[in-house]
Amino acid sequence: MLELRPNCECCGTDLGPAAEDAWICSFECTFCGRCQREVLGGRCPNCSGVLQRRPTRSQQLLAKHPPSALRVVKSAGCKSGSS
């Protein structure tokens, strides 16, 4: 089950569970579309994995399986290839 993390790790932008411009790697590191395109070039700065659009979850299933509330933000922002 995906965690559906609540924000972009680079800039802190809110990414609710219905956000259509949320991107994740296979470890569920989460980024907004702007950071994915303009900063990261489609690669996760943590694992170098390819970023894919994060799927959304129906309202019915959100009640049963709520999104994560844990916010992760890199204090220095992100750079492509950073760890």
PDB file of N, CA and C in Angstrom:
ATOM      1  N   MET A   1       0.849  -1.174   0.000  1.00  0.00           N
ATOM      2  CA  MET A   1       0.000   0.000   0.000  1.00  0.00           C
ATOM      3  C   MET A   1       0.896   1.239   0.000  1.00  0.00           C
ATOM      4  N   LEU A   2       0.695   2.118  -0.957  1.00  0.00           N
ATOM      5  CA  LEU A   2       1.463   3.353  -1.010  1.00  0.00           C
ATOM      6  C   LEU A   2       1.167   4.236   0.198  1.00  0.00           C
ATOM      7  N   GLU A   3       2.187   4.909   0.693  1.00  0.00           N
ATOM      8  CA  GLU A   3       2.016   5.821   1.825  1.00  0.00           C
ATOM      9  C   GLU A   3       1.254   7.091   1.458  1.00  0.00           C
ATOM     10  N   LEU A   4       1.340   7.514   0.205  1.00  0.00           N
ATOM     11  CA  LEU A   4       0.777   8.795  -0.229  1.00  0.00           C
ATOM     12  C   LEU A   4       1.277   9.916   0.668  1.00  0.00           C
ATOM     13  N   ARG A   5       2.565  10.156   0.597  1.00  0.00           N
ATOM     14  CA  ARG A   5       3.203  11.192   1.420  1.00  0.00           C
ATOM     15  C   ARG A   5       2.640  12.564   1.070  1.00  0.00           C
ATOM     16  N   PRO A   6       2.585  13.471   2.053  1.00  0.00           N
ATOM     17  CA  PRO A   6       1.818  14.709   1.900  1.00  0.00           C
ATOM     18  C   PRO A   6       2.502  15.892   1.219  1.00  0.00           C
ATOM     19  N   ASN A   7       3.792  15.749   0.846  1.00  0.00           N
ATOM     20  CA  ASN A   7       4.469  16.930   0.303  1.00  0.00           C
ATOM     21  C   ASN A   7       5.677  16.548  -0.546  1.00  0.00           C
ATOM     22  N   CYS A   8       6.183  17.544  -1.275  1.00  0.00           N
ATOM     23  CA  CYS A   8       7.403  17.395  -2.066  1.00  0.00           C
ATOM     24  C   CYS A   8       8.606  17.456  -1.133  1.00  0.00           C
ATOM     25  N   GLU A   9       9.509  16.501  -1.266  1.00  0.00           N
ATOM     26  CA  GLU A   9      10.716  16.479  -0.430  1.00  0.00           C
ATOM     27  C   GLU A   9      11.654  17.642  -0.737  1.00  0.00           C
ATOM     28  N   CYS A  10      11.587  18.189  -1.939  1.00  0.00           N
ATOM     29  CA  CYS A  10      12.502  19.273  -2.317  1.00  0.00           C
ATOM     30  C   CYS A  10      12.042  20.635  -1.826  1.00  0.00           C
ATOM     31  N   CYS A  11      10.792  20.986  -2.138  1.00  0.00           N
ATOM     32  CA  CYS A  11      10.333  22.350  -1.866  1.00  0.00           C
ATOM     33  C   CYS A  11       9.240  22.437  -0.808  1.00  0.00           C
ATOM     34  N   GLY A  12       8.709  21.311  -0.375  1.00  0.00           N
ATOM     35  CA  GLY A  12       7.690  21.310   0.662  1.00  0.00           C
ATOM     36  C   GLY A  12       6.271  21.533   0.174  1.00  0.00           C
ATOM     37  N   THR A  13       6.065  21.690  -1.132  1.00  0.00           N
ATOM     38  CA  THR A  13       4.725  21.900  -1.676  1.00  0.00           C
ATOM     39  C   THR A  13       3.789  20.786  -1.221  1.00  0.00           C
ATOM     40  N   ASP A  14       2.584  21.163  -0.798  1.00  0.00           N
ATOM     41  CA  ASP A  14       1.586  20.173  -0.404  1.00  0.00           C
ATOM     42  C   ASP A  14       1.169  19.329  -1.604  1.00  0.00           C
ATOM     43  N   LEU A  15       1.077  18.028  -1.382  1.00  0.00           N
ATOM     44  CA  LEU A  15       0.636  17.088  -2.415  1.00  0.00           C
ATOM     45  C   LEU A  15      -0.390  16.155  -1.778  1.00  0.00           C
ATOM     46  N   GLY A  16      -1.633  16.581  -1.797  1.00  0.00           N
ATOM     47  CA  GLY A  16      -2.699  15.779  -1.208  1.00  0.00           C
ATOM     48  C   GLY A  16      -2.852  14.449  -1.930  1.00  0.00           C
ATOM     49  N   PRO A  17      -3.638  13.552  -1.376  1.00  0.00           N
ATOM     50  CA  PRO A  17      -3.778  12.225  -1.957  1.00  0.00           C
ATOM     51  C   PRO A  17      -4.384  12.228  -3.362  1.00  0.00           C
ATOM     52  N   ALA A  18      -5.074  13.290  -3.732  1.00  0.00           N
ATOM     53  CA  ALA A  18      -5.660  13.380  -5.070  1.00  0.00           C
ATOM     54  C   ALA A  18      -4.785  14.184  -6.037  1.00  0.00           C
ATOM     55  N   ALA A  19      -3.609  14.608  -5.594  1.00  0.00           N
ATOM     56  CA  ALA A  19      -2.730  15.422  -6.448  1.00  0.00           C
ATOM     57  C   ALA A  19      -2.352  14.644  -7.711  1.00  0.00           C
ATOM     58  N   GLU A  20      -2.587  15.265  -8.842  1.00  0.00           N
ATOM     59  CA  GLU A  20      -2.266  14.620 -10.116  1.00  0.00           C
ATOM     60  C   GLU A  20      -0.861  14.938 -10.586  1.00  0.00           C
ATOM     61  N   ASP A  21      -0.150  15.805  -9.874  1.00  0.00           N
ATOM     62  CA  ASP A  21       1.208  16.163 -10.261  1.00  0.00           C
ATOM     63  C   ASP A  21       2.203  15.768  -9.164  1.00  0.00           C
ATOM     64  N   ALA A  22       1.948  14.616  -8.547  1.00  0.00           N
ATOM     65  CA  ALA A  22       2.868  14.056  -7.555  1.00  0.00           C
ATOM     66  C   ALA A  22       3.657  12.938  -8.230  1.00  0.00           C
ATOM     67  N   TRP A  23       4.938  12.886  -7.955  1.00  0.00           N
ATOM     68  CA  TRP A  23       5.837  11.910  -8.588  1.00  0.00           C
ATOM     69  C   TRP A  23       6.572  11.131  -7.508  1.00  0.00           C
ATOM     70  N   ILE A  24       6.777   9.824  -7.728  1.00  0.00           N
ATOM     71  CA  ILE A  24       7.448   8.973  -6.747  1.00  0.00           C
ATOM     72  C   ILE A  24       8.468   8.066  -7.425  1.00  0.00           C
ATOM     73  N   CYS A  25       9.433   7.602  -6.610  1.00  0.00           N
ATOM     74  CA  CYS A  25      10.361   6.566  -7.059  1.00  0.00           C
ATOM     75  C   CYS A  25       9.888   5.244  -6.452  1.00  0.00           C
ATOM     76  N   SER A  26      10.623   4.177  -6.649  1.00  0.00           N
ATOM     77  CA  SER A  26      10.206   2.875  -6.127  1.00  0.00           C
ATOM     78  C   SER A  26      10.260   2.806  -4.604  1.00  0.00           C
ATOM     79  N   PHE A  27      10.944   3.762  -3.948  1.00  0.00           N
ATOM     80  CA  PHE A  27      10.986   3.825  -2.493  1.00  0.00           C
ATOM     81  C   PHE A  27       9.952   4.802  -1.933  1.00  0.00           C
ATOM     82  N   GLU A  28       9.130   5.363  -2.815  1.00  0.00           N
ATOM     83  CA  GLU A  28       8.062   6.301  -2.476  1.00  0.00           C
ATOM     84  C   GLU A  28       8.554   7.685  -2.075  1.00  0.00           C
ATOM     85  N   CYS A  29       9.807   8.015  -2.366  1.00  0.00           N
ATOM     86  CA  CYS A  29      10.242   9.401  -2.208  1.00  0.00           C
ATOM     87  C   CYS A  29       9.295  10.206  -3.096  1.00  0.00           C
ATOM     88  N   THR A  30       8.840  11.347  -2.630  1.00  0.00           N
ATOM     89  CA  THR A  30       7.746  12.060  -3.289  1.00  0.00           C
ATOM     90  C   THR A  30       8.156  13.484  -3.658  1.00  0.00           C
ATOM     91  N   PHE A  31       7.821  13.881  -4.889  1.00  0.00           N
ATOM     92  CA  PHE A  31       8.205  15.189  -5.411  1.00  0.00           C
ATOM     93  C   PHE A  31       7.078  15.794  -6.225  1.00  0.00           C
ATOM     94  N   CYS A  32       7.041  17.121  -6.281  1.00  0.00           N
ATOM     95  CA  CYS A  32       6.050  17.802  -7.122  1.00  0.00           C
ATOM     96  C   CYS A  32       6.532  17.795  -8.574  1.00  0.00           C
ATOM     97  N   GLY A  33       5.622  18.073  -9.470  1.00  0.00           N
ATOM     98  CA  GLY A  33       5.943  18.064 -10.894  1.00  0.00           C
ATOM     99  C   GLY A  33       7.005  19.081 -11.273  1.00  0.00           C
ATOM    100  N   ARG A  34       6.944  20.270 -10.659  1.00  0.00           N
ATOM    101  CA  ARG A  34       7.930  21.302 -10.990  1.00  0.00           C
ATOM    102  C   ARG A  34       9.333  20.834 -10.618  1.00  0.00           C
ATOM    103  N   CYS A  35       9.516  20.319  -9.421  1.00  0.00           N
ATOM    104  CA  CYS A  35      10.846  19.842  -9.006  1.00  0.00           C
ATOM    105  C   CYS A  35      11.283  18.645  -9.850  1.00  0.00           C
ATOM    106  N   GLN A  36      10.341  17.751 -10.153  1.00  0.00           N
ATOM    107  CA  GLN A  36      10.645  16.586 -10.973  1.00  0.00           C
ATOM    108  C   GLN A  36      11.198  17.011 -12.326  1.00  0.00           C
ATOM    109  N   ARG A  37      10.587  18.025 -12.943  1.00  0.00           N
ATOM    110  CA  ARG A  37      10.997  18.479 -14.277  1.00  0.00           C
ATOM    111  C   ARG A  37      12.209  19.407 -14.237  1.00  0.00           C
ATOM    112  N   GLU A  38      12.129  20.457 -13.404  1.00  0.00           N
ATOM    113  CA  GLU A  38      13.104  21.544 -13.459  1.00  0.00           C
ATOM    114  C   GLU A  38      14.358  21.319 -12.628  1.00  0.00           C
ATOM    115  N   VAL A  39      14.286  20.494 -11.604  1.00  0.00           N
ATOM    116  CA  VAL A  39      15.432  20.300 -10.711  1.00  0.00           C
ATOM    117  C   VAL A  39      16.020  18.898 -10.845  1.00  0.00           C
ATOM    118  N   LEU A  40      15.151  17.902 -10.858  1.00  0.00           N
ATOM    119  CA  LEU A  40      15.618  16.515 -10.763  1.00  0.00           C
ATOM    120  C   LEU A  40      15.764  15.796 -12.102  1.00  0.00           C
ATOM    121  N   GLY A  41      15.175  16.346 -13.148  1.00  0.00           N
ATOM    122  CA  GLY A  41      15.297  15.712 -14.457  1.00  0.00           C
ATOM    123  C   GLY A  41      14.737  14.297 -14.497  1.00  0.00           C
ATOM    124  N   GLY A  42      13.684  14.044 -13.693  1.00  0.00           N
ATOM    125  CA  GLY A  42      13.026  12.742 -13.731  1.00  0.00           C
ATOM    126  C   GLY A  42      13.698  11.645 -12.926  1.00  0.00           C
ATOM    127  N   ARG A  43      14.712  11.996 -12.132  1.00  0.00           N
ATOM    128  CA  ARG A  43      15.439  11.008 -11.313  1.00  0.00           C
ATOM    129  C   ARG A  43      15.357  11.373  -9.841  1.00  0.00           C
ATOM    130  N   CYS A  44      15.189  10.364  -8.997  1.00  0.00           N
ATOM    131  CA  CYS A  44      15.154  10.582  -7.552  1.00  0.00           C
ATOM    132  C   CYS A  44      16.549  10.966  -7.068  1.00  0.00           C
ATOM    133  N   PRO A  45      16.672  12.036  -6.282  1.00  0.00           N
ATOM    134  CA  PRO A  45      17.984  12.437  -5.781  1.00  0.00           C
ATOM    135  C   PRO A  45      18.495  11.510  -4.671  1.00  0.00           C
ATOM    136  N   ASN A  46      17.625  10.672  -4.135  1.00  0.00           N
ATOM    137  CA  ASN A  46      18.016   9.771  -3.050  1.00  0.00           C
ATOM    138  C   ASN A  46      18.555   8.431  -3.563  1.00  0.00           C
ATOM    139  N   CYS A  47      17.889   7.861  -4.581  1.00  0.00           N
ATOM    140  CA  CYS A  47      18.262   6.522  -5.058  1.00  0.00           C
ATOM    141  C   CYS A  47      18.616   6.484  -6.539  1.00  0.00           C
ATOM    142  N   SER A  48      18.473   7.592  -7.245  1.00  0.00           N
ATOM    143  CA  SER A  48      18.702   7.704  -8.689  1.00  0.00           C
ATOM    144  C   SER A  48      17.679   6.953  -9.523  1.00  0.00           C
ATOM    145  N   GLY A  49      16.599   6.483  -8.878  1.00  0.00           N
ATOM    146  CA  GLY A  49      15.536   5.787  -9.605  1.00  0.00           C
ATOM    147  C   GLY A  49      14.714   6.739 -10.453  1.00  0.00           C
ATOM    148  N   VAL A  50      14.017   6.174 -11.432  1.00  0.00           N
ATOM    149  CA  VAL A  50      13.155   6.949 -12.312  1.00  0.00           C
ATOM    150  C   VAL A  50      11.900   7.357 -11.549  1.00  0.00           C
ATOM    151  N   LEU A  51      11.513   8.618 -11.694  1.00  0.00           N
ATOM    152  CA  LEU A  51      10.286   9.103 -11.060  1.00  0.00           C
ATOM    153  C   LEU A  51       9.099   8.841 -11.980  1.00  0.00           C
ATOM    154  N   GLN A  52       8.010   8.354 -11.379  1.00  0.00           N
ATOM    155  CA  GLN A  52       6.772   8.052 -12.088  1.00  0.00           C
ATOM    156  C   GLN A  52       5.636   8.810 -11.410  1.00  0.00           C
ATOM    157  N   ARG A  53       4.572   9.080 -12.158  1.00  0.00           N
ATOM    158  CA  ARG A  53       3.402   9.717 -11.544  1.00  0.00           C
ATOM    159  C   ARG A  53       2.867   8.829 -10.434  1.00  0.00           C
ATOM    160  N   ARG A  54       2.535   9.453  -9.316  1.00  0.00           N
ATOM    161  CA  ARG A  54       1.964   8.709  -8.198  1.00  0.00           C
ATOM    162  C   ARG A  54       0.483   8.480  -8.466  1.00  0.00           C
ATOM    163  N   PRO A  55       0.014   7.252  -8.328  1.00  0.00           N
ATOM    164  CA  PRO A  55      -1.417   7.013  -8.529  1.00  0.00           C
ATOM    165  C   PRO A  55      -2.242   7.637  -7.405  1.00  0.00           C
ATOM    166  N   THR A  56      -3.491   7.908  -7.694  1.00  0.00           N
ATOM    167  CA  THR A  56      -4.403   8.431  -6.681  1.00  0.00           C
ATOM    168  C   THR A  56      -5.191   7.276  -6.067  1.00  0.00           C
ATOM    169  N   ARG A  57      -5.860   7.544  -4.967  1.00  0.00           N
ATOM    170  CA  ARG A  57      -6.664   6.538  -4.264  1.00  0.00           C
ATOM    171  C   ARG A  57      -8.086   7.070  -4.150  1.00  0.00           C
ATOM    172  N   SER A  58      -9.060   6.217  -4.360  1.00  0.00           N
ATOM    173  CA  SER A  58     -10.464   6.644  -4.292  1.00  0.00           C
ATOM    174  C   SER A  58     -10.823   7.121  -2.887  1.00  0.00           C
ATOM    175  N   GLN A  59     -11.810   8.005  -2.803  1.00  0.00           N
ATOM    176  CA  GLN A  59     -12.274   8.523  -1.509  1.00  0.00           C
ATOM    177  C   GLN A  59     -12.683   7.381  -0.581  1.00  0.00           C
ATOM    178  N   GLN A  60     -13.354   6.390  -1.118  1.00  0.00           N
ATOM    179  CA  GLN A  60     -13.803   5.255  -0.313  1.00  0.00           C
ATOM    180  C   GLN A  60     -12.616   4.548   0.336  1.00  0.00           C
ATOM    181  N   LEU A  61     -11.550   4.335  -0.426  1.00  0.00           N
ATOM    182  CA  LEU A  61     -10.379   3.648   0.121  1.00  0.00           C
ATOM    183  C   LEU A  61      -9.522   4.559   0.989  1.00  0.00           C
ATOM    184  N   LEU A  62      -9.579   5.873   0.764  1.00  0.00           N
ATOM    185  CA  LEU A  62      -8.850   6.795   1.638  1.00  0.00           C
ATOM    186  C   LEU A  62      -9.355   6.715   3.071  1.00  0.00           C
ATOM    187  N   ALA A  63     -10.647   6.486   3.235  1.00  0.00           N
ATOM    188  CA  ALA A  63     -11.202   6.364   4.582  1.00  0.00           C
ATOM    189  C   ALA A  63     -10.641   5.132   5.286  1.00  0.00           C
ATOM    190  N   LYS A  64     -10.461   4.067   4.549  1.00  0.00           N
ATOM    191  CA  LYS A  64      -9.951   2.817   5.116  1.00  0.00           C
ATOM    192  C   LYS A  64      -8.427   2.817   5.220  1.00  0.00           C
ATOM    193  N   HIS A  65      -7.777   3.437   4.238  1.00  0.00           N
ATOM    194  CA  HIS A  65      -6.308   3.486   4.166  1.00  0.00           C
ATOM    195  C   HIS A  65      -5.873   4.939   3.982  1.00  0.00           C
ATOM    196  N   PRO A  66      -5.825   5.716   5.069  1.00  0.00           N
ATOM    197  CA  PRO A  66      -5.512   7.151   4.952  1.00  0.00           C
ATOM    198  C   PRO A  66      -4.076   7.407   4.502  1.00  0.00           C
ATOM    199  N   PRO A  67      -3.837   8.582   3.902  1.00  0.00           N
ATOM    200  CA  PRO A  67      -2.482   8.939   3.489  1.00  0.00           C
ATOM    201  C   PRO A  67      -1.592   9.214   4.695  1.00  0.00           C
ATOM    202  N   SER A  68      -0.308   9.206   4.468  1.00  0.00           N
ATOM    203  CA  SER A  68       0.666   9.521   5.515  1.00  0.00           C
ATOM    204  C   SER A  68       0.563  10.998   5.899  1.00  0.00           C
ATOM    205  N   ALA A  69       0.856  11.297   7.151  1.00  0.00           N
ATOM    206  CA  ALA A  69       0.900  12.681   7.620  1.00  0.00           C
ATOM    207  C   ALA A  69       2.337  13.134   7.843  1.00  0.00           C
ATOM    208  N   LEU A  70       3.289  12.224   7.700  1.00  0.00           N
ATOM    209  CA  LEU A  70       4.701  12.528   7.946  1.00  0.00           C
ATOM    210  C   LEU A  70       5.280  13.350   6.802  1.00  0.00           C
ATOM    211  N   ARG A  71       5.724  14.581   7.124  1.00  0.00           N
ATOM    212  CA  ARG A  71       6.313  15.466   6.118  1.00  0.00           C
ATOM    213  C   ARG A  71       7.826  15.311   6.124  1.00  0.00           C
ATOM    214  N   VAL A  72       8.401  15.102   4.937  1.00  0.00           N
ATOM    215  CA  VAL A  72       9.847  15.010   4.773  1.00  0.00           C
ATOM    216  C   VAL A  72      10.248  16.115   3.805  1.00  0.00           C
ATOM    217  N   VAL A  73      11.139  16.999   4.242  1.00  0.00           N
ATOM    218  CA  VAL A  73      11.632  18.076   3.371  1.00  0.00           C
ATOM    219  C   VAL A  73      13.135  18.189   3.570  1.00  0.00           C
ATOM    220  N   LYS A  74      13.879  18.165   2.483  1.00  0.00           N
ATOM    221  CA  LYS A  74      15.329  18.326   2.557  1.00  0.00           C
ATOM    222  C   LYS A  74      15.641  19.766   2.949  1.00  0.00           C
ATOM    223  N   SER A  75      16.382  19.955   4.009  1.00  0.00           N
ATOM    224  CA  SER A  75      16.659  21.301   4.512  1.00  0.00           C
ATOM    225  C   SER A  75      17.392  22.175   3.487  1.00  0.00           C
ATOM    226  N   ALA A  76      18.210  21.574   2.649  1.00  0.00           N
ATOM    227  CA  ALA A  76      18.939  22.327   1.636  1.00  0.00           C
ATOM    228  C   ALA A  76      18.311  22.226   0.264  1.00  0.00           C
ATOM    229  N   GLY A  77      17.075  21.705   0.194  1.00  0.00           N
ATOM    230  CA  GLY A  77      16.435  21.527  -1.118  1.00  0.00           C
ATOM    231  C   GLY A  77      17.039  20.339  -1.825  1.00  0.00           C
ATOM    232  N   CYS A  78      16.835  20.243  -3.112  1.00  0.00           N
ATOM    233  CA  CYS A  78      17.328  19.092  -3.889  1.00  0.00           C
ATOM    234  C   CYS A  78      18.198  19.541  -5.040  1.00  0.00           C
ATOM    235  N   LYS A  79      19.096  18.670  -5.376  1.00  0.00           N
ATOM    236  CA  LYS A  79      19.907  18.804  -6.576  1.00  0.00           C
ATOM    237  C   LYS A  79      19.937  17.455  -7.244  1.00  0.00           C
ATOM    238  N   SER A  80      19.900  17.415  -8.532  1.00  0.00           N
ATOM    239  CA  SER A  80      19.947  16.142  -9.242  1.00  0.00           C
ATOM    240  C   SER A  80      21.188  15.364  -8.836  1.00  0.00           C
ATOM    241  N   GLY A  81      20.973  14.094  -8.487  1.00  0.00           N
ATOM    242  CA  GLY A  81      22.103  13.240  -8.100  1.00  0.00           C
ATOM    243  C   GLY A  81      22.581  13.426  -6.690  1.00  0.00           C
ATOM    244  N   SER A  82      21.908  14.292  -5.873  1.00  0.00           N
ATOM    245  CA  SER A  82      22.349  14.473  -4.484  1.00  0.00           C
ATOM    246  C   SER A  82      21.904  13.299  -3.646  1.00  0.00           C
ATOM    247  N   SER A  83      22.522  13.115  -2.483  1.00  0.00           N
ATOM    248  CA  SER A  83      22.107  12.003  -1.630  1.00  0.00           C
ATOM    249  C   SER A  83      21.794  12.471  -0.236  1.00  0.00           C
TER     250      SER A  83
END
